[in-house]
């Protein structure tokens, strides 16, 4: 059985994230969508809120589970017996950072591989920061986020910048 981890901040989850998780679920027996808690970032949603949104967004994928972790990704990989890390790549700028992280993870846990899935052209431009900015100015984010979590995201983010 191949168990892989799709880590990310998922703040909030986007259609791009969901695309990578869905495609990984076809390739591997078990996929863990892992909310990584980064102490250097101030997220718009708590770790538990992000877990809840991912659970709603992936409920239709039988072999996907959702979890969160604070600490080194390789420690989580080791504890869960996963064999690989699956990351999505949008552009060359993503590759530089993700390649550096993959090499670091490989040094820390040699048995864990990193697998890169390129994003579909439909989601090439999409990231959580863009969703937060559009929502913050009251824009329509329905094409950017899973429908199951649209209202959750709108309640938190819509009109954020207009109210300032």
N, C-alpha and C. Protein backbone atom coordinates (compact mmCIF):
# COMPACT_ATOMS: atom_id res chain seq x y z
N UNK A 1 0.84 -1.17 0.00
CA UNK A 1 0.00 0.00 0.00
C UNK A 1 0.89 1.25 0.00
N UNK A 2 0.59 2.18 -0.88
CA UNK A 2 1.36 3.42 -0.93
C UNK A 2 0.58 4.55 -0.25
N UNK A 3 1.17 5.07 0.80
CA UNK A 3 0.59 6.19 1.54
C UNK A 3 1.47 7.41 1.26
N UNK A 4 0.84 8.49 0.79
CA UNK A 4 1.57 9.72 0.51
C UNK A 4 0.93 10.88 1.26
N UNK A 5 1.70 11.94 1.39
CA UNK A 5 1.23 13.14 2.08
C UNK A 5 1.28 14.31 1.11
N UNK A 6 0.17 15.04 1.04
CA UNK A 6 0.09 16.30 0.27
C UNK A 6 0.07 17.43 1.29
N UNK A 7 1.22 18.01 1.61
CA UNK A 7 1.26 19.06 2.62
C UNK A 7 1.01 20.45 2.04
N UNK A 8 0.53 21.34 2.87
CA UNK A 8 0.36 22.72 2.45
C UNK A 8 -0.25 23.53 3.58
N UNK A 9 -0.28 24.84 3.37
CA UNK A 9 -0.93 25.68 4.38
C UNK A 9 -2.45 25.67 4.18
N UNK A 10 -2.90 25.55 2.93
CA UNK A 10 -4.34 25.48 2.62
C UNK A 10 -5.11 26.62 3.31
N UNK A 11 -4.60 27.84 3.16
CA UNK A 11 -5.17 29.00 3.86
C UNK A 11 -5.68 30.05 2.89
N UNK A 12 -6.81 29.83 2.25
CA UNK A 12 -7.71 28.67 2.31
C UNK A 12 -7.41 27.67 1.19
N UNK A 13 -8.11 26.55 1.23
CA UNK A 13 -8.01 25.56 0.16
C UNK A 13 -8.56 26.17 -1.13
N UNK A 14 -7.87 25.86 -2.24
CA UNK A 14 -8.29 26.37 -3.55
C UNK A 14 -8.60 25.20 -4.48
N UNK A 15 -9.15 25.53 -5.64
CA UNK A 15 -9.39 24.50 -6.65
C UNK A 15 -8.07 23.89 -7.13
N UNK A 16 -7.01 24.67 -7.11
CA UNK A 16 -5.68 24.14 -7.46
C UNK A 16 -5.22 23.08 -6.48
N UNK A 17 -5.39 23.35 -5.19
CA UNK A 17 -5.07 22.35 -4.17
C UNK A 17 -5.89 21.08 -4.39
N UNK A 18 -7.19 21.28 -4.57
CA UNK A 18 -8.09 20.14 -4.73
C UNK A 18 -7.73 19.32 -5.96
N UNK A 19 -7.31 19.99 -7.03
CA UNK A 19 -6.88 19.29 -8.25
C UNK A 19 -5.69 18.37 -7.97
N UNK A 20 -4.69 18.87 -7.26
CA UNK A 20 -3.50 18.06 -6.96
C UNK A 20 -3.88 16.89 -6.05
N UNK A 21 -4.68 17.13 -5.02
CA UNK A 21 -5.10 16.06 -4.10
C UNK A 21 -5.91 15.01 -4.85
N UNK A 22 -6.81 15.44 -5.71
CA UNK A 22 -7.64 14.51 -6.48
C UNK A 22 -6.79 13.65 -7.40
N UNK A 23 -5.86 14.27 -8.09
CA UNK A 23 -4.99 13.51 -8.99
C UNK A 23 -4.09 12.55 -8.22
N UNK A 24 -3.62 12.96 -7.05
CA UNK A 24 -2.82 12.06 -6.22
C UNK A 24 -3.66 10.87 -5.75
N UNK A 25 -4.94 11.11 -5.49
CA UNK A 25 -5.81 10.02 -5.02
C UNK A 25 -6.01 8.94 -6.07
N UNK A 26 -5.83 9.28 -7.32
CA UNK A 26 -5.92 8.30 -8.41
C UNK A 26 -4.63 7.49 -8.51
N UNK A 27 -3.52 8.13 -8.19
CA UNK A 27 -2.21 7.49 -8.35
C UNK A 27 -1.78 6.63 -7.17
N UNK A 28 -2.28 6.94 -5.97
CA UNK A 28 -1.80 6.28 -4.76
C UNK A 28 -2.96 5.69 -3.96
N UNK A 29 -2.63 4.67 -3.15
CA UNK A 29 -3.65 3.98 -2.36
C UNK A 29 -4.26 4.88 -1.28
N UNK A 30 -3.42 5.65 -0.62
CA UNK A 30 -3.89 6.51 0.46
C UNK A 30 -3.19 7.86 0.39
N UNK A 31 -3.97 8.91 0.51
CA UNK A 31 -3.45 10.27 0.47
C UNK A 31 -3.87 10.99 1.75
N UNK A 32 -2.90 11.61 2.40
CA UNK A 32 -3.18 12.44 3.57
C UNK A 32 -2.96 13.89 3.14
N UNK A 33 -4.03 14.67 3.14
CA UNK A 33 -3.91 16.11 2.90
C UNK A 33 -3.55 16.72 4.26
N UNK A 34 -2.36 17.27 4.34
CA UNK A 34 -1.82 17.68 5.64
C UNK A 34 -1.70 19.19 5.74
N UNK A 35 -2.44 19.76 6.67
CA UNK A 35 -2.33 21.18 6.97
C UNK A 35 -1.07 21.37 7.81
N UNK A 36 -0.12 22.10 7.26
CA UNK A 36 1.12 22.38 7.98
C UNK A 36 0.94 23.70 8.73
N UNK A 37 1.25 23.67 10.01
CA UNK A 37 1.17 24.88 10.82
C UNK A 37 2.56 25.50 10.84
N UNK A 38 2.67 26.67 10.24
CA UNK A 38 3.93 27.39 10.16
C UNK A 38 3.91 28.52 11.19
N UNK A 39 4.75 28.44 12.22
CA UNK A 39 4.72 29.46 13.26
C UNK A 39 5.16 30.85 12.77
N UNK A 40 5.78 30.93 11.59
CA UNK A 40 6.23 32.20 11.04
C UNK A 40 5.14 32.92 10.25
N UNK A 41 4.00 32.27 10.05
CA UNK A 41 2.91 32.87 9.28
C UNK A 41 1.70 33.12 10.17
N UNK A 42 0.94 34.15 9.81
CA UNK A 42 -0.32 34.42 10.49
C UNK A 42 -1.45 34.07 9.52
N UNK A 43 -2.01 32.88 9.66
CA UNK A 43 -3.04 32.44 8.72
C UNK A 43 -4.37 33.16 8.95
N UNK A 44 -5.19 33.17 7.91
CA UNK A 44 -6.54 33.73 8.02
C UNK A 44 -7.49 32.77 8.72
N UNK A 45 -7.16 31.48 8.67
CA UNK A 45 -7.99 30.44 9.27
C UNK A 45 -7.15 29.61 10.22
N UNK A 46 -7.73 29.15 11.31
CA UNK A 46 -7.01 28.29 12.25
C UNK A 46 -6.72 26.95 11.58
N UNK A 47 -5.81 26.21 12.18
CA UNK A 47 -5.50 24.88 11.65
C UNK A 47 -6.76 24.01 11.60
N UNK A 48 -7.56 24.06 12.64
CA UNK A 48 -8.78 23.24 12.68
C UNK A 48 -9.77 23.68 11.61
N UNK A 49 -9.89 24.98 11.37
CA UNK A 49 -10.78 25.46 10.31
C UNK A 49 -10.30 24.98 8.94
N UNK A 50 -9.00 24.99 8.74
CA UNK A 50 -8.45 24.52 7.46
C UNK A 50 -8.66 23.02 7.30
N UNK A 51 -8.51 22.27 8.39
CA UNK A 51 -8.80 20.83 8.36
C UNK A 51 -10.27 20.61 8.01
N UNK A 52 -11.16 21.37 8.64
CA UNK A 52 -12.59 21.22 8.36
C UNK A 52 -12.91 21.53 6.89
N UNK A 53 -12.31 22.59 6.36
CA UNK A 53 -12.55 22.93 4.95
C UNK A 53 -12.02 21.85 4.01
N UNK A 54 -10.85 21.30 4.33
CA UNK A 54 -10.31 20.21 3.51
C UNK A 54 -11.18 18.97 3.60
N UNK A 55 -11.68 18.66 4.80
CA UNK A 55 -12.58 17.51 4.95
C UNK A 55 -13.83 17.68 4.09
N UNK A 56 -14.42 18.87 4.10
CA UNK A 56 -15.60 19.12 3.26
C UNK A 56 -15.26 18.98 1.78
N UNK A 57 -14.10 19.51 1.40
CA UNK A 57 -13.71 19.55 -0.02
C UNK A 57 -13.30 18.20 -0.57
N UNK A 58 -12.84 17.30 0.30
CA UNK A 58 -12.36 15.99 -0.16
C UNK A 58 -13.27 14.83 0.26
N UNK A 59 -14.44 15.14 0.80
CA UNK A 59 -15.34 14.09 1.30
C UNK A 59 -15.68 13.05 0.24
N UNK A 60 -15.68 13.44 -1.02
CA UNK A 60 -16.02 12.52 -2.11
C UNK A 60 -14.86 11.60 -2.49
N UNK A 61 -13.69 11.82 -1.93
CA UNK A 61 -12.50 11.01 -2.25
C UNK A 61 -12.27 10.01 -1.13
N UNK A 62 -12.63 8.75 -1.38
CA UNK A 62 -12.62 7.73 -0.33
C UNK A 62 -11.24 7.45 0.26
N UNK A 63 -10.18 7.63 -0.51
CA UNK A 63 -8.85 7.28 -0.02
C UNK A 63 -8.06 8.50 0.46
N UNK A 64 -8.76 9.60 0.71
CA UNK A 64 -8.11 10.82 1.21
C UNK A 64 -8.56 11.09 2.63
N UNK A 65 -7.58 11.33 3.50
CA UNK A 65 -7.86 11.76 4.86
C UNK A 65 -7.17 13.11 5.08
N UNK A 66 -7.55 13.79 6.12
CA UNK A 66 -7.03 15.12 6.39
C UNK A 66 -6.48 15.15 7.82
N UNK A 67 -5.36 15.84 7.97
CA UNK A 67 -4.73 15.94 9.29
C UNK A 67 -4.00 17.29 9.35
N UNK A 68 -3.46 17.61 10.51
CA UNK A 68 -2.61 18.80 10.62
C UNK A 68 -1.39 18.44 11.45
N UNK A 69 -0.33 19.24 11.27
CA UNK A 69 0.93 18.97 11.94
C UNK A 69 1.69 20.26 12.16
N UNK A 70 2.28 20.36 13.33
CA UNK A 70 3.17 21.48 13.65
C UNK A 70 4.54 20.85 13.90
N UNK A 71 5.49 21.18 13.06
CA UNK A 71 6.83 20.60 13.19
C UNK A 71 7.36 20.20 11.84
N UNK A 72 8.42 19.41 11.85
CA UNK A 72 9.04 18.98 10.60
C UNK A 72 8.16 17.99 9.86
N UNK A 73 8.00 18.23 8.58
CA UNK A 73 7.22 17.33 7.73
C UNK A 73 7.77 15.92 7.77
N UNK A 74 9.09 15.77 7.75
CA UNK A 74 9.68 14.43 7.74
C UNK A 74 9.34 13.64 9.01
N UNK A 75 9.17 14.32 10.13
CA UNK A 75 8.76 13.61 11.35
C UNK A 75 7.36 13.03 11.18
N UNK A 76 6.47 13.80 10.56
CA UNK A 76 5.11 13.33 10.31
C UNK A 76 5.15 12.15 9.33
N UNK A 77 5.92 12.28 8.27
CA UNK A 77 6.05 11.22 7.25
C UNK A 77 6.51 9.92 7.91
N UNK A 78 7.53 10.03 8.74
CA UNK A 78 8.07 8.85 9.43
C UNK A 78 7.01 8.25 10.35
N UNK A 79 6.34 9.09 11.14
CA UNK A 79 5.33 8.60 12.10
C UNK A 79 4.17 7.90 11.40
N UNK A 80 3.78 8.38 10.24
CA UNK A 80 2.63 7.81 9.51
C UNK A 80 3.01 6.69 8.56
N UNK A 81 4.30 6.44 8.39
CA UNK A 81 4.73 5.39 7.48
C UNK A 81 4.47 5.72 6.02
N UNK A 82 4.45 6.98 5.69
CA UNK A 82 4.24 7.40 4.30
C UNK A 82 5.53 7.20 3.51
N UNK A 83 5.37 7.05 2.22
CA UNK A 83 6.53 6.81 1.36
C UNK A 83 6.91 8.01 0.51
N UNK A 84 6.00 8.98 0.40
CA UNK A 84 6.30 10.10 -0.48
C UNK A 84 5.53 11.35 -0.07
N UNK A 85 6.06 12.47 -0.55
CA UNK A 85 5.46 13.78 -0.41
C UNK A 85 5.01 14.19 -1.80
N UNK A 86 3.77 14.60 -1.95
CA UNK A 86 3.27 15.04 -3.25
C UNK A 86 3.04 16.55 -3.18
N UNK A 87 3.67 17.26 -4.11
CA UNK A 87 3.56 18.71 -4.17
C UNK A 87 3.12 19.14 -5.56
N UNK A 88 2.35 20.19 -5.61
CA UNK A 88 1.94 20.76 -6.89
C UNK A 88 2.88 21.88 -7.29
N UNK A 89 3.14 21.97 -8.59
CA UNK A 89 3.99 23.04 -9.13
C UNK A 89 3.21 23.85 -10.14
N UNK A 90 3.26 25.17 -9.98
CA UNK A 90 2.61 26.07 -10.94
C UNK A 90 3.60 26.63 -11.94
N UNK A 91 4.73 27.11 -11.46
CA UNK A 91 5.67 27.82 -12.32
C UNK A 91 7.10 27.55 -11.87
N UNK A 92 8.05 28.08 -12.61
CA UNK A 92 9.45 27.88 -12.27
C UNK A 92 9.76 28.44 -10.88
N UNK A 93 9.12 29.50 -10.49
CA UNK A 93 9.37 30.06 -9.15
C UNK A 93 8.96 29.05 -8.08
N UNK A 94 7.89 28.31 -8.28
CA UNK A 94 7.51 27.25 -7.36
C UNK A 94 8.60 26.18 -7.31
N UNK A 95 9.12 25.83 -8.49
CA UNK A 95 10.08 24.75 -8.57
C UNK A 95 11.32 25.04 -7.73
N UNK A 96 11.83 26.25 -7.81
CA UNK A 96 13.04 26.60 -7.06
C UNK A 96 12.86 26.32 -5.57
N UNK A 97 11.80 26.85 -5.01
CA UNK A 97 11.53 26.67 -3.59
C UNK A 97 11.26 25.20 -3.26
N UNK A 98 10.40 24.57 -4.04
CA UNK A 98 10.02 23.18 -3.76
C UNK A 98 11.19 22.22 -3.94
N UNK A 99 12.06 22.50 -4.89
CA UNK A 99 13.25 21.67 -5.10
C UNK A 99 14.16 21.76 -3.88
N UNK A 100 14.34 22.96 -3.36
CA UNK A 100 15.14 23.15 -2.16
C UNK A 100 14.55 22.37 -0.99
N UNK A 101 13.22 22.44 -0.83
CA UNK A 101 12.56 21.71 0.25
C UNK A 101 12.68 20.20 0.06
N UNK A 102 12.55 19.75 -1.19
CA UNK A 102 12.66 18.31 -1.48
C UNK A 102 14.05 17.79 -1.12
N UNK A 103 15.08 18.55 -1.46
CA UNK A 103 16.45 18.12 -1.14
C UNK A 103 16.68 18.11 0.37
N UNK A 104 16.12 19.08 1.07
CA UNK A 104 16.25 19.13 2.53
C UNK A 104 15.53 17.95 3.16
N UNK A 105 14.31 17.68 2.72
CA UNK A 105 13.55 16.54 3.24
C UNK A 105 14.26 15.22 2.96
N UNK A 106 14.85 15.11 1.78
CA UNK A 106 15.58 13.88 1.40
C UNK A 106 16.79 13.68 2.31
N UNK A 107 17.46 14.77 2.65
CA UNK A 107 18.62 14.69 3.54
C UNK A 107 18.19 14.26 4.94
N UNK A 108 17.05 14.78 5.39
CA UNK A 108 16.55 14.46 6.74
C UNK A 108 15.92 13.07 6.82
N UNK A 109 15.31 12.62 5.72
CA UNK A 109 14.63 11.32 5.69
C UNK A 109 14.84 10.69 4.31
N UNK A 110 15.98 10.02 4.11
CA UNK A 110 16.35 9.53 2.77
C UNK A 110 15.32 8.62 2.11
N UNK A 111 14.51 7.89 2.88
CA UNK A 111 13.55 6.98 2.27
C UNK A 111 12.30 7.67 1.74
N UNK A 112 12.11 8.94 2.06
CA UNK A 112 10.92 9.67 1.59
C UNK A 112 11.24 10.37 0.27
N UNK A 113 10.45 10.09 -0.73
CA UNK A 113 10.60 10.74 -2.03
C UNK A 113 9.65 11.92 -2.13
N UNK A 114 10.00 12.89 -2.95
CA UNK A 114 9.09 13.99 -3.27
C UNK A 114 8.67 13.84 -4.71
N UNK A 115 7.38 13.88 -4.94
CA UNK A 115 6.81 13.74 -6.28
C UNK A 115 6.12 15.04 -6.62
N UNK A 116 6.47 15.60 -7.78
CA UNK A 116 5.87 16.86 -8.21
C UNK A 116 4.81 16.59 -9.27
N UNK A 117 3.64 17.16 -9.06
CA UNK A 117 2.58 17.12 -10.07
C UNK A 117 2.42 18.54 -10.59
N UNK A 118 2.48 18.71 -11.89
CA UNK A 118 2.29 20.04 -12.44
C UNK A 118 0.80 20.38 -12.45
N UNK A 119 0.53 21.62 -12.17
CA UNK A 119 -0.85 22.06 -12.14
C UNK A 119 -1.45 22.04 -13.54
N UNK A 120 -2.73 21.96 -13.60
CA UNK A 120 -3.39 22.09 -14.90
C UNK A 120 -3.36 23.56 -15.30
N UNK A 121 -3.42 23.83 -16.59
CA UNK A 121 -3.37 25.21 -17.06
C UNK A 121 -4.51 26.04 -16.49
N UNK A 122 -5.61 25.40 -16.19
CA UNK A 122 -6.77 26.09 -15.63
C UNK A 122 -6.46 26.73 -14.27
N UNK A 123 -5.52 26.15 -13.53
CA UNK A 123 -5.20 26.63 -12.19
C UNK A 123 -3.79 27.21 -12.08
N UNK A 124 -3.16 27.46 -13.19
CA UNK A 124 -1.77 27.91 -13.21
C UNK A 124 -1.53 29.18 -12.39
N UNK A 125 -2.44 30.09 -12.42
CA UNK A 125 -2.30 31.40 -11.77
C UNK A 125 -2.79 31.42 -10.32
N UNK A 126 -3.46 30.37 -9.89
CA UNK A 126 -4.24 30.39 -8.66
C UNK A 126 -3.39 30.07 -7.43
N UNK A 127 -3.55 30.88 -6.39
CA UNK A 127 -2.95 30.58 -5.09
C UNK A 127 -3.82 31.19 -3.99
N UNK A 128 -3.57 30.78 -2.76
CA UNK A 128 -4.39 31.22 -1.63
C UNK A 128 -4.31 32.73 -1.43
N UNK A 129 -3.16 33.31 -1.66
CA UNK A 129 -3.02 34.77 -1.48
C UNK A 129 -3.92 35.53 -2.44
N UNK A 130 -4.02 35.04 -3.67
CA UNK A 130 -4.89 35.68 -4.65
C UNK A 130 -6.35 35.57 -4.20
N UNK A 131 -6.74 34.40 -3.72
CA UNK A 131 -8.11 34.20 -3.24
C UNK A 131 -8.41 35.17 -2.10
N UNK A 132 -7.48 35.29 -1.16
CA UNK A 132 -7.69 36.19 -0.02
C UNK A 132 -7.81 37.64 -0.47
N UNK A 133 -7.01 38.04 -1.44
CA UNK A 133 -7.07 39.42 -1.90
C UNK A 133 -8.38 39.72 -2.63
N UNK A 134 -8.76 38.83 -3.54
CA UNK A 134 -10.02 39.04 -4.28
C UNK A 134 -11.20 39.05 -3.32
N UNK A 135 -11.22 38.09 -2.41
CA UNK A 135 -12.32 38.03 -1.43
C UNK A 135 -12.32 39.25 -0.52
N UNK A 136 -11.14 39.71 -0.14
CA UNK A 136 -11.02 40.85 0.75
C UNK A 136 -11.61 42.13 0.18
N UNK A 137 -11.60 42.23 -1.15
CA UNK A 137 -12.19 43.39 -1.81
C UNK A 137 -13.62 43.11 -2.28
N UNK A 138 -14.18 41.98 -1.84
CA UNK A 138 -15.57 41.66 -2.16
C UNK A 138 -15.77 41.02 -3.51
N UNK A 139 -14.69 40.55 -4.14
CA UNK A 139 -14.80 39.93 -5.46
C UNK A 139 -15.35 38.52 -5.41
N UNK A 140 -15.75 38.02 -6.55
CA UNK A 140 -16.33 36.69 -6.68
C UNK A 140 -15.22 35.64 -6.72
N UNK A 141 -15.16 34.79 -5.71
CA UNK A 141 -14.14 33.74 -5.64
C UNK A 141 -14.70 32.35 -5.94
N UNK A 142 -15.92 32.28 -6.42
CA UNK A 142 -16.58 30.98 -6.61
C UNK A 142 -15.85 30.08 -7.60
N UNK A 143 -15.11 30.63 -8.54
CA UNK A 143 -14.37 29.81 -9.50
C UNK A 143 -13.03 29.36 -8.93
N UNK A 144 -12.63 29.91 -7.79
CA UNK A 144 -11.31 29.66 -7.24
C UNK A 144 -11.27 28.66 -6.10
N UNK A 145 -12.41 28.43 -5.44
CA UNK A 145 -12.44 27.58 -4.26
C UNK A 145 -13.52 26.51 -4.41
N UNK A 146 -13.36 25.37 -3.73
CA UNK A 146 -14.39 24.33 -3.80
C UNK A 146 -15.73 24.86 -3.31
N UNK A 147 -16.82 24.49 -3.98
CA UNK A 147 -18.14 25.02 -3.59
C UNK A 147 -18.53 24.66 -2.16
N UNK A 148 -18.02 23.55 -1.65
CA UNK A 148 -18.36 23.11 -0.30
C UNK A 148 -17.88 24.08 0.78
N UNK A 149 -16.88 24.92 0.45
CA UNK A 149 -16.30 25.82 1.46
C UNK A 149 -16.41 27.30 1.07
N UNK A 150 -17.09 27.58 -0.03
CA UNK A 150 -17.22 28.96 -0.51
C UNK A 150 -17.78 29.88 0.58
N UNK A 151 -18.88 29.48 1.19
CA UNK A 151 -19.50 30.36 2.19
C UNK A 151 -18.61 30.53 3.42
N UNK A 152 -17.89 29.48 3.82
CA UNK A 152 -16.97 29.59 4.96
C UNK A 152 -15.91 30.66 4.69
N UNK A 153 -15.37 30.62 3.49
CA UNK A 153 -14.31 31.56 3.12
C UNK A 153 -14.87 32.97 2.98
N UNK A 154 -16.03 33.09 2.35
CA UNK A 154 -16.64 34.40 2.18
C UNK A 154 -16.95 35.05 3.53
N UNK A 155 -17.49 34.28 4.46
CA UNK A 155 -17.83 34.83 5.78
C UNK A 155 -16.60 35.43 6.47
N UNK A 156 -15.46 34.79 6.30
CA UNK A 156 -14.25 35.26 6.96
C UNK A 156 -13.56 36.39 6.20
N UNK A 157 -13.54 36.29 4.86
CA UNK A 157 -12.67 37.17 4.10
C UNK A 157 -13.34 38.29 3.31
N UNK A 158 -14.57 38.09 2.88
CA UNK A 158 -15.19 39.08 2.01
C UNK A 158 -15.31 40.43 2.69
N UNK A 159 -14.97 41.44 1.95
CA UNK A 159 -15.03 42.82 2.39
C UNK A 159 -14.01 43.16 3.48
N UNK A 160 -13.02 42.33 3.68
CA UNK A 160 -11.99 42.58 4.70
C UNK A 160 -11.29 43.92 4.46
N UNK A 161 -10.91 44.19 3.22
CA UNK A 161 -10.16 45.40 2.92
C UNK A 161 -11.08 46.61 2.77
N UNK A 162 -12.31 46.38 2.40
CA UNK A 162 -13.25 47.48 2.22
C UNK A 162 -13.58 48.12 3.58
N UNK A 163 -13.61 47.30 4.63
CA UNK A 163 -13.98 47.77 5.97
C UNK A 163 -12.86 48.58 6.63
N UNK A 164 -11.65 48.52 6.12
CA UNK A 164 -10.51 49.23 6.74
C UNK A 164 -10.66 50.73 6.65
